[in-house]
Structures are given as C-alpha cells and as structure tokens.
C-alpha cells in the first residue's frame, strides 16, 4: 500500500518521442468550430486557431531539439512545413510559439526521449 502511495505522489513525466523535424509531423486537432461549437465568435476562432498552430509547431520544434531563441524565419518555415490550411505566420503566432517553447523547456517533467 505504501509503495502505491509513493508511486502516486511521484511527479509525472511527459515523454515526447524525438523525431526529426519534417513536414506533416503534427496531425491537425479539431478546428475552432468543431471544438467550440457553431456559436463561436470570430475573435475566439482566431485565437483558438492561432494557439492550435503555435502549440503544434512548438511541440514539433521541441521534439527536434529547438530551444529559444529561434529566429522569425525559422518559425515561419516551421509553420509552413507543417502545412496548416489557411495559416499565415504572424507576429502573434510567433510569440505564441516562443511562449510554448519556453514552457516546454522550463517544465522539468517534459523530456524528449531518443
């Protein structure tokens, strides 16, 4: 019983398998309309889709060994390489990618396994 409690109290580690960064790594999550419903506002849809692209891009970059700082051109290339429909890299998307990379890098429970 004590062993089970100790196991439950250990910090959980998120393991992300390492893969080379190539186009098409990330599968597309649901769109804003699919995730939030048909009454989603334009602002909510834009924010949701921007964070969706940024998070998927940041995870793909992190898996490939990228850490901050990352130049704008590299972030733009990564967004385009993942081939998100209707996605045009913007300053807001780049900022969101960088913030997600910072969180992944700072969280000791997230490790990339090789």
Protein backbone atom coordinates (compact mmCIF):
# COMPACT_ATOMS: atom_id res chain seq x y z
CA UNK A 1 0.00 0.00 0.00
CA UNK A 2 2.82 2.41 0.89
CA UNK A 3 4.52 1.68 -2.44
CA UNK A 4 1.31 2.53 -4.30
CA UNK A 5 1.03 5.84 -2.46
CA UNK A 6 4.66 6.73 -3.19
CA UNK A 7 4.13 5.92 -6.85
CA UNK A 8 1.04 8.14 -6.92
CA UNK A 9 2.93 11.06 -5.34
CA UNK A 10 5.89 10.96 -7.73
CA UNK A 11 5.93 13.75 -10.28
CA UNK A 12 4.61 12.62 -13.62
CA UNK A 13 6.97 12.88 -16.56
CA UNK A 14 5.68 13.61 -20.01
CA UNK A 15 7.83 11.85 -22.56
CA UNK A 16 7.82 13.12 -26.11
CA UNK A 17 9.47 10.77 -28.59
CA UNK A 18 12.18 12.60 -30.52
CA UNK A 19 11.73 12.79 -34.27
CA UNK A 20 13.45 14.79 -36.90
CA UNK A 21 11.52 17.88 -37.90
CA UNK A 22 9.80 17.17 -41.19
CA UNK A 23 6.64 18.34 -42.84
CA UNK A 24 3.48 16.67 -41.67
CA UNK A 25 4.58 15.55 -38.18
CA UNK A 26 1.59 17.03 -36.39
CA UNK A 27 -1.92 15.82 -37.06
CA UNK A 28 -4.45 18.58 -37.11
CA UNK A 29 -6.60 18.89 -33.97
CA UNK A 30 -10.25 19.91 -34.33
CA UNK A 31 -10.98 23.31 -35.84
CA UNK A 32 -12.44 26.09 -33.69
CA UNK A 33 -15.96 25.34 -34.92
CA UNK A 34 -15.55 21.62 -34.14
CA UNK A 35 -14.05 22.27 -30.69
CA UNK A 36 -16.06 25.27 -29.54
CA UNK A 37 -19.37 24.82 -31.38
CA UNK A 38 -21.15 26.69 -34.11
CA UNK A 39 -21.78 29.81 -32.00
CA UNK A 40 -18.06 30.62 -31.69
CA UNK A 41 -17.21 34.27 -32.32
CA UNK A 42 -14.67 35.35 -34.91
CA UNK A 43 -12.28 36.51 -32.19
CA UNK A 44 -12.50 33.21 -30.34
CA UNK A 45 -11.95 31.25 -33.55
CA UNK A 46 -8.90 33.33 -34.48
CA UNK A 47 -7.39 32.95 -31.01
CA UNK A 48 -8.12 29.19 -30.92
CA UNK A 49 -6.67 28.57 -34.38
CA UNK A 50 -3.59 30.70 -33.68
CA UNK A 51 -2.84 28.77 -30.47
CA UNK A 52 -3.55 25.46 -32.23
CA UNK A 53 -0.95 26.21 -34.92
CA UNK A 54 1.52 27.60 -32.38
CA UNK A 55 1.27 24.67 -29.98
CA UNK A 56 1.61 22.01 -32.68
CA UNK A 57 4.56 23.90 -34.20
CA UNK A 58 6.27 24.39 -30.83
CA UNK A 59 5.92 20.70 -29.94
CA UNK A 60 7.35 19.68 -33.33
CA UNK A 61 10.26 22.11 -32.88
CA UNK A 62 10.88 20.96 -29.30
CA UNK A 63 10.90 17.32 -30.38
CA UNK A 64 13.50 18.25 -32.97
CA UNK A 65 15.80 19.90 -30.44
CA UNK A 66 14.98 23.57 -30.98
CA UNK A 67 15.14 25.89 -27.97
CA UNK A 68 14.89 29.64 -27.59
CA UNK A 69 15.91 31.90 -29.19
CA UNK A 70 14.55 30.90 -32.60
CA UNK A 71 14.70 33.41 -35.49
CA UNK A 72 11.44 34.59 -37.10
CA UNK A 73 12.36 32.98 -40.44
CA UNK A 74 12.81 29.55 -38.80
CA UNK A 75 9.42 29.85 -37.09
CA UNK A 76 7.75 30.88 -40.35
CA UNK A 77 9.35 27.95 -42.16
CA UNK A 78 8.20 25.55 -39.42
CA UNK A 79 4.58 26.77 -39.63
CA UNK A 80 4.64 26.41 -43.42
CA UNK A 81 6.32 22.99 -43.26
CA UNK A 82 3.53 21.61 -41.08
CA UNK A 83 1.10 22.62 -43.83
CA UNK A 84 -1.73 24.03 -41.73
CA UNK A 85 -4.57 25.12 -44.01
CA UNK A 86 -5.03 28.90 -44.30
CA UNK A 87 -2.19 29.53 -41.84
CA UNK A 88 -0.06 32.59 -42.43
CA UNK A 89 2.67 33.13 -39.81
CA UNK A 90 2.09 36.35 -37.88
CA UNK A 91 3.81 38.17 -35.05
CA UNK A 92 1.16 36.84 -32.66
CA UNK A 93 1.67 33.25 -33.83
CA UNK A 94 5.45 33.56 -33.49
CA UNK A 95 5.03 34.95 -29.95
CA UNK A 96 2.73 32.05 -29.07
CA UNK A 97 5.23 29.52 -30.47
CA UNK A 98 8.01 31.08 -28.42
CA UNK A 99 5.94 31.08 -25.23
CA UNK A 100 5.04 27.41 -25.72
CA UNK A 101 8.70 26.55 -26.35
CA UNK A 102 9.62 28.40 -23.15
CA UNK A 103 7.05 26.41 -21.15
CA UNK A 104 8.23 23.09 -22.61
CA UNK A 105 11.84 23.98 -21.88
CA UNK A 106 11.15 25.20 -18.33
CA UNK A 107 9.00 22.25 -17.24
CA UNK A 108 11.34 19.59 -15.85
CA UNK A 109 8.66 16.93 -16.22
CA UNK A 110 8.72 17.24 -20.02
CA UNK A 111 11.57 15.27 -21.56
CA UNK A 112 12.36 14.24 -25.09
CA UNK A 113 13.31 10.58 -25.35
CA UNK A 114 15.55 9.38 -28.12
